[in-house]
Amino acid sequence: MSKNELVWTSISGNGNYSFWNNKLKVNGGLTYLSNKGTAPISLYGIKGGADFNVLKGMYASLSGHLQMRNDDSDFSLNTSGFLFSFRYNF
């Protein structure tokens, strides 16, 4: 039997800011995740988005993320995505 110990380290930060009396809210963040085990890997991420108050209680939202993967042999895109939605708060 062999022992495979994995040690993960992560750090992240997020922020948001409002404009025009909270009519527009923007947000963003950065992430870092690293594994120093037998197959070392690092993941770097960035995300952002905005909520716009279209009418009283109705919001249009746009968000996206991008995550890059770095291992011993390659630096490549790991995941990405965008989401656009409308919502109504009762």
PDB file of N, CA and C in Angstrom:
ATOM      1  N   MET A   1       0.846  -1.156   0.000  1.00  0.00           N
ATOM      2  CA  MET A   1       0.000   0.000   0.000  1.00  0.00           C
ATOM      3  C   MET A   1       0.902   1.233   0.000  1.00  0.00           C
ATOM      4  N   SER A   2       0.544   2.227  -0.820  1.00  0.00           N
ATOM      5  CA  SER A   2       1.318   3.465  -0.861  1.00  0.00           C
ATOM      6  C   SER A   2       0.485   4.612  -0.307  1.00  0.00           C
ATOM      7  N   LYS A   3       1.183   5.588   0.207  1.00  0.00           N
ATOM      8  CA  LYS A   3       0.522   6.746   0.785  1.00  0.00           C
ATOM      9  C   LYS A   3       0.683   7.921  -0.174  1.00  0.00           C
ATOM     10  N   ASN A   4      -0.419   8.555  -0.522  1.00  0.00           N
ATOM     11  CA  ASN A   4      -0.411   9.714  -1.413  1.00  0.00           C
ATOM     12  C   ASN A   4      -1.010  10.889  -0.654  1.00  0.00           C
ATOM     13  N   GLU A   5      -0.166  11.757  -0.153  1.00  0.00           N
ATOM     14  CA  GLU A   5      -0.628  12.898   0.633  1.00  0.00           C
ATOM     15  C   GLU A   5      -0.784  14.111  -0.271  1.00  0.00           C
ATOM     16  N   LEU A   6      -1.939  14.736  -0.198  1.00  0.00           N
ATOM     17  CA  LEU A   6      -2.222  15.943  -0.966  1.00  0.00           C
ATOM     18  C   LEU A   6      -2.374  17.112  -0.007  1.00  0.00           C
ATOM     19  N   VAL A   7      -1.724  18.202  -0.317  1.00  0.00           N
ATOM     20  CA  VAL A   7      -1.825  19.416   0.484  1.00  0.00           C
ATOM     21  C   VAL A   7      -2.325  20.531  -0.429  1.00  0.00           C
ATOM     22  N   TRP A   8      -3.509  21.053  -0.134  1.00  0.00           N
ATOM     23  CA  TRP A   8      -4.104  22.116  -0.932  1.00  0.00           C
ATOM     24  C   TRP A   8      -3.993  23.440  -0.188  1.00  0.00           C
ATOM     25  N   THR A   9      -3.702  24.495  -0.921  1.00  0.00           N
ATOM     26  CA  THR A   9      -3.647  25.847  -0.378  1.00  0.00           C
ATOM     27  C   THR A   9      -4.536  26.727  -1.247  1.00  0.00           C
ATOM     28  N   SER A  10      -5.331  27.586  -0.617  1.00  0.00           N
ATOM     29  CA  SER A  10      -6.188  28.470  -1.405  1.00  0.00           C
ATOM     30  C   SER A  10      -6.242  29.855  -0.777  1.00  0.00           C
ATOM     31  N   ILE A  11      -6.466  30.828  -1.627  1.00  0.00           N
ATOM     32  CA  ILE A  11      -6.680  32.205  -1.188  1.00  0.00           C
ATOM     33  C   ILE A  11      -7.632  32.850  -2.190  1.00  0.00           C
ATOM     34  N   SER A  12      -8.505  33.708  -1.698  1.00  0.00           N
ATOM     35  CA  SER A  12      -9.433  34.390  -2.600  1.00  0.00           C
ATOM     36  C   SER A  12      -9.783  35.758  -2.037  1.00  0.00           C
ATOM     37  N   GLY A  13     -10.200  36.616  -2.913  1.00  0.00           N
ATOM     38  CA  GLY A  13     -10.648  37.945  -2.521  1.00  0.00           C
ATOM     39  C   GLY A  13     -11.770  38.396  -3.430  1.00  0.00           C
ATOM     40  N   ASN A  14     -12.753  39.064  -2.849  1.00  0.00           N
ATOM     41  CA  ASN A  14     -13.914  39.537  -3.593  1.00  0.00           C
ATOM     42  C   ASN A  14     -14.201  40.980  -3.218  1.00  0.00           C
ATOM     43  N   GLY A  15     -14.837  41.685  -4.121  1.00  0.00           N
ATOM     44  CA  GLY A  15     -15.233  43.054  -3.836  1.00  0.00           C
ATOM     45  C   GLY A  15     -16.442  43.439  -4.655  1.00  0.00           C
ATOM     46  N   ASN A  16     -17.129  44.481  -4.208  1.00  0.00           N
ATOM     47  CA  ASN A  16     -18.265  44.993  -4.967  1.00  0.00           C
ATOM     48  C   ASN A  16     -18.375  46.491  -4.744  1.00  0.00           C
ATOM     49  N   TYR A  17     -19.035  47.144  -5.671  1.00  0.00           N
ATOM     50  CA  TYR A  17     -19.205  48.592  -5.598  1.00  0.00           C
ATOM     51  C   TYR A  17     -20.514  48.965  -6.278  1.00  0.00           C
ATOM     52  N   SER A  18     -21.198  49.953  -5.721  1.00  0.00           N
ATOM     53  CA  SER A  18     -22.479  50.410  -6.266  1.00  0.00           C
ATOM     54  C   SER A  18     -22.332  51.796  -6.887  1.00  0.00           C
ATOM     55  N   PHE A  19     -23.092  52.023  -7.950  1.00  0.00           N
ATOM     56  CA  PHE A  19     -23.135  53.313  -8.634  1.00  0.00           C
ATOM     57  C   PHE A  19     -24.576  53.791  -8.707  1.00  0.00           C
ATOM     58  N   TRP A  20     -24.754  55.076  -8.906  1.00  0.00           N
ATOM     59  CA  TRP A  20     -26.057  55.688  -9.156  1.00  0.00           C
ATOM     60  C   TRP A  20     -27.124  55.249  -8.149  1.00  0.00           C
ATOM     61  N   ASN A  21     -26.843  55.466  -6.870  1.00  0.00           N
ATOM     62  CA  ASN A  21     -27.791  55.118  -5.791  1.00  0.00           C
ATOM     63  C   ASN A  21     -28.226  53.660  -5.859  1.00  0.00           C
ATOM     64  N   ASN A  22     -27.286  52.753  -6.014  1.00  0.00           N
ATOM     65  CA  ASN A  22     -27.504  51.299  -6.056  1.00  0.00           C
ATOM     66  C   ASN A  22     -28.248  50.817  -7.300  1.00  0.00           C
ATOM     67  N   LYS A  23     -28.345  51.641  -8.338  1.00  0.00           N
ATOM     68  CA  LYS A  23     -28.988  51.182  -9.573  1.00  0.00           C
ATOM     69  C   LYS A  23     -28.094  50.188 -10.320  1.00  0.00           C
ATOM     70  N   LEU A  24     -26.779  50.357 -10.217  1.00  0.00           N
ATOM     71  CA  LEU A  24     -25.815  49.452 -10.834  1.00  0.00           C
ATOM     72  C   LEU A  24     -24.855  48.961  -9.759  1.00  0.00           C
ATOM     73  N   LYS A  25     -24.745  47.648  -9.632  1.00  0.00           N
ATOM     74  CA  LYS A  25     -23.821  47.037  -8.678  1.00  0.00           C
ATOM     75  C   LYS A  25     -22.852  46.154  -9.456  1.00  0.00           C
ATOM     76  N   VAL A  26     -21.550  46.406  -9.298  1.00  0.00           N
ATOM     77  CA  VAL A  26     -20.534  45.595  -9.963  1.00  0.00           C
ATOM     78  C   VAL A  26     -19.768  44.808  -8.910  1.00  0.00           C
ATOM     79  N   ASN A  27     -19.283  43.641  -9.300  1.00  0.00           N
ATOM     80  CA  ASN A  27     -18.531  42.806  -8.365  1.00  0.00           C
ATOM     81  C   ASN A  27     -17.423  42.082  -9.119  1.00  0.00           C
ATOM     82  N   GLY A  28     -16.435  41.644  -8.377  1.00  0.00           N
ATOM     83  CA  GLY A  28     -15.331  40.916  -8.976  1.00  0.00           C
ATOM     84  C   GLY A  28     -14.548  40.174  -7.920  1.00  0.00           C
ATOM     85  N   GLY A  29     -13.701  39.274  -8.370  1.00  0.00           N
ATOM     86  CA  GLY A  29     -12.896  38.514  -7.429  1.00  0.00           C
ATOM     87  C   GLY A  29     -11.766  37.774  -8.106  1.00  0.00           C
ATOM     88  N   LEU A  30     -10.789  37.411  -7.297  1.00  0.00           N
ATOM     89  CA  LEU A  30      -9.636  36.632  -7.730  1.00  0.00           C
ATOM     90  C   LEU A  30      -9.498  35.417  -6.829  1.00  0.00           C
ATOM     91  N   THR A  31      -9.070  34.288  -7.381  1.00  0.00           N
ATOM     92  CA  THR A  31      -8.855  33.075  -6.591  1.00  0.00           C
ATOM     93  C   THR A  31      -7.543  32.410  -6.990  1.00  0.00           C
ATOM     94  N   TYR A  32      -6.979  31.706  -6.040  1.00  0.00           N
ATOM     95  CA  TYR A  32      -5.767  30.916  -6.279  1.00  0.00           C
ATOM     96  C   TYR A  32      -5.911  29.625  -5.490  1.00  0.00           C
ATOM     97  N   LEU A  33      -5.670  28.496  -6.136  1.00  0.00           N
ATOM     98  CA  LEU A  33      -5.745  27.178  -5.513  1.00  0.00           C
ATOM     99  C   LEU A  33      -4.539  26.381  -5.976  1.00  0.00           C
ATOM    100  N   SER A  34      -3.813  25.783  -5.027  1.00  0.00           N
ATOM    101  CA  SER A  34      -2.578  25.084  -5.363  1.00  0.00           C
ATOM    102  C   SER A  34      -2.506  23.752  -4.644  1.00  0.00           C
ATOM    103  N   ASN A  35      -2.010  22.728  -5.350  1.00  0.00           N
ATOM    104  CA  ASN A  35      -1.797  21.398  -4.796  1.00  0.00           C
ATOM    105  C   ASN A  35      -0.305  21.097  -4.892  1.00  0.00           C
ATOM    106  N   LYS A  36       0.301  20.765  -3.779  1.00  0.00           N
ATOM    107  CA  LYS A  36       1.735  20.465  -3.762  1.00  0.00           C
ATOM    108  C   LYS A  36       1.987  18.983  -3.533  1.00  0.00           C
ATOM    109  N   GLY A  37       1.096  18.123  -3.999  1.00  0.00           N
ATOM    110  CA  GLY A  37       1.251  16.678  -3.830  1.00  0.00           C
ATOM    111  C   GLY A  37       2.135  16.074  -4.906  1.00  0.00           C
ATOM    112  N   THR A  38       1.882  14.815  -5.233  1.00  0.00           N
ATOM    113  CA  THR A  38       2.694  14.104  -6.223  1.00  0.00           C
ATOM    114  C   THR A  38       2.498  14.641  -7.639  1.00  0.00           C
ATOM    115  N   ALA A  39       1.349  15.233  -7.917  1.00  0.00           N
ATOM    116  CA  ALA A  39       1.087  15.862  -9.217  1.00  0.00           C
ATOM    117  C   ALA A  39       0.726  17.325  -8.969  1.00  0.00           C
ATOM    118  N   PRO A  40       1.720  18.206  -8.793  1.00  0.00           N
ATOM    119  CA  PRO A  40       1.426  19.597  -8.443  1.00  0.00           C
ATOM    120  C   PRO A  40       0.628  20.318  -9.530  1.00  0.00           C
ATOM    121  N   ILE A  41      -0.302  21.138  -9.075  1.00  0.00           N
ATOM    122  CA  ILE A  41      -1.156  21.906  -9.986  1.00  0.00           C
ATOM    123  C   ILE A  41      -1.527  23.212  -9.295  1.00  0.00           C
ATOM    124  N   SER A  42      -1.691  24.257 -10.082  1.00  0.00           N
ATOM    125  CA  SER A  42      -2.174  25.539  -9.577  1.00  0.00           C
ATOM    126  C   SER A  42      -3.327  26.000 -10.453  1.00  0.00           C
ATOM    127  N   LEU A  43      -4.352  26.561  -9.833  1.00  0.00           N
ATOM    128  CA  LEU A  43      -5.499  27.111 -10.542  1.00  0.00           C
ATOM    129  C   LEU A  43      -5.607  28.593 -10.200  1.00  0.00           C
ATOM    130  N   TYR A  44      -5.719  29.431 -11.231  1.00  0.00           N
ATOM    131  CA  TYR A  44      -5.856  30.870 -11.064  1.00  0.00           C
ATOM    132  C   TYR A  44      -7.200  31.275 -11.647  1.00  0.00           C
ATOM    133  N   GLY A  45      -7.991  32.021 -10.889  1.00  0.00           N
ATOM    134  CA  GLY A  45      -9.315  32.385 -11.369  1.00  0.00           C
ATOM    135  C   GLY A  45      -9.613  33.856 -11.222  1.00  0.00           C
ATOM    136  N   ILE A  46     -10.459  34.338 -12.112  1.00  0.00           N
ATOM    137  CA  ILE A  46     -10.968  35.695 -12.052  1.00  0.00           C
ATOM    138  C   ILE A  46     -12.460  35.632 -12.364  1.00  0.00           C
ATOM    139  N   LYS A  47     -13.242  36.438 -11.643  1.00  0.00           N
ATOM    140  CA  LYS A  47     -14.679  36.471 -11.894  1.00  0.00           C
ATOM    141  C   LYS A  47     -15.165  37.904 -11.764  1.00  0.00           C
ATOM    142  N   GLY A  48     -16.270  38.188 -12.420  1.00  0.00           N
ATOM    143  CA  GLY A  48     -16.838  39.522 -12.358  1.00  0.00           C
ATOM    144  C   GLY A  48     -18.283  39.501 -12.783  1.00  0.00           C
ATOM    145  N   GLY A  49     -18.962  40.589 -12.472  1.00  0.00           N
ATOM    146  CA  GLY A  49     -20.359  40.659 -12.852  1.00  0.00           C
ATOM    147  C   GLY A  49     -20.963  42.003 -12.519  1.00  0.00           C
ATOM    148  N   ALA A  50     -22.215  42.159 -12.915  1.00  0.00           N
ATOM    149  CA  ALA A  50     -22.949  43.390 -12.661  1.00  0.00           C
ATOM    150  C   ALA A  50     -24.437  43.081 -12.553  1.00  0.00           C
ATOM    151  N   ASP A  51     -25.103  43.818 -11.677  1.00  0.00           N
ATOM    152  CA  ASP A  51     -26.561  43.783 -11.544  1.00  0.00           C
ATOM    153  C   ASP A  51     -27.073  45.186 -11.843  1.00  0.00           C
ATOM    154  N   PHE A  52     -28.038  45.283 -12.749  1.00  0.00           N
ATOM    155  CA  PHE A  52     -28.606  46.573 -13.108  1.00  0.00           C
ATOM    156  C   PHE A  52     -30.086  46.568 -12.762  1.00  0.00           C
ATOM    157  N   ASN A  53     -30.514  47.558 -11.985  1.00  0.00           N
ATOM    158  CA  ASN A  53     -31.910  47.692 -11.578  1.00  0.00           C
ATOM    159  C   ASN A  53     -32.679  48.329 -12.733  1.00  0.00           C
ATOM    160  N   VAL A  54     -33.378  47.492 -13.513  1.00  0.00           N
ATOM    161  CA  VAL A  54     -34.105  47.950 -14.695  1.00  0.00           C
ATOM    162  C   VAL A  54     -35.354  48.718 -14.279  1.00  0.00           C
ATOM    163  N   LEU A  55     -36.182  48.110 -13.472  1.00  0.00           N
ATOM    164  CA  LEU A  55     -37.383  48.706 -12.896  1.00  0.00           C
ATOM    165  C   LEU A  55     -37.398  48.359 -11.420  1.00  0.00           C
ATOM    166  N   LYS A  56     -38.320  48.913 -10.674  1.00  0.00           N
ATOM    167  CA  LYS A  56     -38.387  48.609  -9.249  1.00  0.00           C
ATOM    168  C   LYS A  56     -38.601  47.108  -9.049  1.00  0.00           C
ATOM    169  N   GLY A  57     -37.614  46.437  -8.480  1.00  0.00           N
ATOM    170  CA  GLY A  57     -37.699  45.008  -8.221  1.00  0.00           C
ATOM    171  C   GLY A  57     -37.206  44.124  -9.354  1.00  0.00           C
ATOM    172  N   MET A  58     -36.960  44.671 -10.558  1.00  0.00           N
ATOM    173  CA  MET A  58     -36.497  43.863 -11.687  1.00  0.00           C
ATOM    174  C   MET A  58     -35.029  44.180 -11.975  1.00  0.00           C
ATOM    175  N   TYR A  59     -34.241  43.115 -12.089  1.00  0.00           N
ATOM    176  CA  TYR A  59     -32.801  43.259 -12.288  1.00  0.00           C
ATOM    177  C   TYR A  59     -32.347  42.463 -13.502  1.00  0.00           C
ATOM    178  N   ALA A  60     -31.394  43.019 -14.220  1.00  0.00           N
ATOM    179  CA  ALA A  60     -30.677  42.297 -15.270  1.00  0.00           C
ATOM    180  C   ALA A  60     -29.284  42.024 -14.716  1.00  0.00           C
ATOM    181  N   SER A  61     -28.845  40.790 -14.811  1.00  0.00           N
ATOM    182  CA  SER A  61     -27.558  40.393 -14.240  1.00  0.00           C
ATOM    183  C   SER A  61     -26.672  39.767 -15.304  1.00  0.00           C
ATOM    184  N   LEU A  62     -25.394  40.097 -15.249  1.00  0.00           N
ATOM    185  CA  LEU A  62     -24.388  39.514 -16.122  1.00  0.00           C
ATOM    186  C   LEU A  62     -23.210  39.115 -15.249  1.00  0.00           C
ATOM    187  N   SER A  63     -22.756  37.877 -15.392  1.00  0.00           N
ATOM    188  CA  SER A  63     -21.593  37.425 -14.626  1.00  0.00           C
ATOM    189  C   SER A  63     -20.755  36.495 -15.491  1.00  0.00           C
ATOM    190  N   GLY A  64     -19.497  36.403 -15.143  1.00  0.00           N
ATOM    191  CA  GLY A  64     -18.602  35.532 -15.880  1.00  0.00           C
ATOM    192  C   GLY A  64     -17.422  35.116 -15.031  1.00  0.00           C
ATOM    193  N   HIS A  65     -16.779  34.036 -15.442  1.00  0.00           N
ATOM    194  CA  HIS A  65     -15.584  33.571 -14.739  1.00  0.00           C
ATOM    195  C   HIS A  65     -14.613  32.940 -15.734  1.00  0.00           C
ATOM    196  N   LEU A  66     -13.362  32.938 -15.343  1.00  0.00           N
ATOM    197  CA  LEU A  66     -12.295  32.351 -16.144  1.00  0.00           C
ATOM    198  C   LEU A  66     -11.310  31.720 -15.174  1.00  0.00           C
ATOM    199  N   GLN A  67     -10.975  30.454 -15.393  1.00  0.00           N
ATOM    200  CA  GLN A  67     -10.022  29.760 -14.529  1.00  0.00           C
ATOM    201  C   GLN A  67      -8.939  29.118 -15.391  1.00  0.00           C
ATOM    202  N   MET A  68      -7.695  29.410 -15.044  1.00  0.00           N
ATOM    203  CA  MET A  68      -6.545  28.870 -15.767  1.00  0.00           C
ATOM    204  C   MET A  68      -5.878  27.796 -14.916  1.00  0.00           C
ATOM    205  N   ARG A  69      -5.327  26.788 -15.596  1.00  0.00           N
ATOM    206  CA  ARG A  69      -4.677  25.651 -14.934  1.00  0.00           C
ATOM    207  C   ARG A  69      -3.193  25.658 -15.284  1.00  0.00           C
ATOM    208  N   ASN A  70      -2.355  25.513 -14.275  1.00  0.00           N
ATOM    209  CA  ASN A  70      -0.915  25.459 -14.480  1.00  0.00           C
ATOM    210  C   ASN A  70      -0.379  24.200 -13.806  1.00  0.00           C
ATOM    211  N   ASP A  71       0.187  23.290 -14.612  1.00  0.00           N
ATOM    212  CA  ASP A  71       0.848  22.113 -14.047  1.00  0.00           C
ATOM    213  C   ASP A  71       2.280  22.084 -14.571  1.00  0.00           C
ATOM    214  N   ASP A  72       2.982  21.008 -14.345  1.00  0.00           N
ATOM    215  CA  ASP A  72       4.391  20.945 -14.743  1.00  0.00           C
ATOM    216  C   ASP A  72       4.603  21.099 -16.246  1.00  0.00           C
ATOM    217  N   SER A  73       3.620  20.716 -17.050  1.00  0.00           N
ATOM    218  CA  SER A  73       3.829  20.689 -18.496  1.00  0.00           C
ATOM    219  C   SER A  73       3.082  21.766 -19.274  1.00  0.00           C
ATOM    220  N   ASP A  74       2.070  22.410 -18.683  1.00  0.00           N
ATOM    221  CA  ASP A  74       1.210  23.260 -19.494  1.00  0.00           C
ATOM    222  C   ASP A  74       0.543  24.345 -18.659  1.00  0.00           C
ATOM    223  N   PHE A  75       0.234  25.464 -19.291  1.00  0.00           N
ATOM    224  CA  PHE A  75      -0.598  26.525 -18.732  1.00  0.00           C
ATOM    225  C   PHE A  75      -1.765  26.679 -19.689  1.00  0.00           C
ATOM    226  N   SER A  76      -2.975  26.323 -19.249  1.00  0.00           N
ATOM    227  CA  SER A  76      -4.105  26.272 -20.175  1.00  0.00           C
ATOM    228  C   SER A  76      -5.399  26.696 -19.495  1.00  0.00           C
ATOM    229  N   LEU A  77      -6.421  26.900 -20.318  1.00  0.00           N
ATOM    230  CA  LEU A  77      -7.751  27.234 -19.832  1.00  0.00           C
ATOM    231  C   LEU A  77      -8.362  26.011 -19.162  1.00  0.00           C
ATOM    232  N   ASN A  78      -8.855  26.180 -17.949  1.00  0.00           N
ATOM    233  CA  ASN A  78      -9.493  25.089 -17.223  1.00  0.00           C
ATOM    234  C   ASN A  78     -11.014  25.175 -17.362  1.00  0.00           C
ATOM    235  N   THR A  79     -11.609  26.296 -16.966  1.00  0.00           N
ATOM    236  CA  THR A  79     -13.049  26.502 -17.124  1.00  0.00           C
ATOM    237  C   THR A  79     -13.317  27.967 -17.433  1.00  0.00           C
ATOM    238  N   SER A  80     -14.455  28.218 -18.074  1.00  0.00           N
ATOM    239  CA  SER A  80     -14.905  29.584 -18.308  1.00  0.00           C
ATOM    240  C   SER A  80     -16.410  29.554 -18.514  1.00  0.00           C
ATOM    241  N   GLY A  81     -17.032  30.680 -18.272  1.00  0.00           N
ATOM    242  CA  GLY A  81     -18.467  30.732 -18.480  1.00  0.00           C
ATOM    243  C   GLY A  81     -19.017  32.129 -18.300  1.00  0.00           C
ATOM    244  N   PHE A  82     -20.176  32.372 -18.920  1.00  0.00           N
ATOM    245  CA  PHE A  82     -20.898  33.627 -18.790  1.00  0.00           C
ATOM    246  C   PHE A  82     -22.364  33.306 -18.533  1.00  0.00           C
ATOM    247  N   LEU A  83     -23.013  34.153 -17.759  1.00  0.00           N
ATOM    248  CA  LEU A  83     -24.426  33.969 -17.448  1.00  0.00           C
ATOM    249  C   LEU A  83     -25.115  35.325 -17.517  1.00  0.00           C
ATOM    250  N   PHE A  84     -26.216  35.385 -18.247  1.00  0.00           N
ATOM    251  CA  PHE A  84     -27.044  36.585 -18.310  1.00  0.00           C
ATOM    252  C   PHE A  84     -28.439  36.189 -17.867  1.00  0.00           C
ATOM    253  N   SER A  85     -29.031  36.983 -16.968  1.00  0.00           N
ATOM    254  CA  SER A  85     -30.361  36.627 -16.480  1.00  0.00           C
ATOM    255  C   SER A  85     -31.146  37.874 -16.087  1.00  0.00           C
ATOM    256  N   PHE A  86     -32.471  37.705 -16.049  1.00  0.00           N
ATOM    257  CA  PHE A  86     -33.387  38.696 -15.495  1.00  0.00           C
ATOM    258  C   PHE A  86     -34.010  38.081 -14.255  1.00  0.00           C
ATOM    259  N   ARG A  87     -34.225  38.891 -13.248  1.00  0.00           N
ATOM    260  CA  ARG A  87     -34.922  38.390 -12.063  1.00  0.00           C
ATOM    261  C   ARG A  87     -35.817  39.487 -11.505  1.00  0.00           C
ATOM    262  N   TYR A  88     -36.861  39.054 -10.816  1.00  0.00           N
ATOM    263  CA  TYR A  88     -37.779  39.979 -10.168  1.00  0.00           C
ATOM    264  C   TYR A  88     -37.862  39.616  -8.703  1.00  0.00           C
ATOM    265  N   ASN A  89     -37.653  40.593  -7.836  1.00  0.00           N
ATOM    266  CA  ASN A  89     -37.758  40.393  -6.389  1.00  0.00           C
ATOM    267  C   ASN A  89     -39.131  40.863  -5.925  1.00  0.00           C
ATOM    268  N   PHE A  90     -39.915  39.959  -5.366  1.00  0.00           N
ATOM    269  CA  PHE A  90     -41.256  40.286  -4.880  1.00  0.00           C
ATOM    270  C   PHE A  90     -41.194  40.981  -3.548  1.00  0.00           C
TER     271      PHE A  90
END
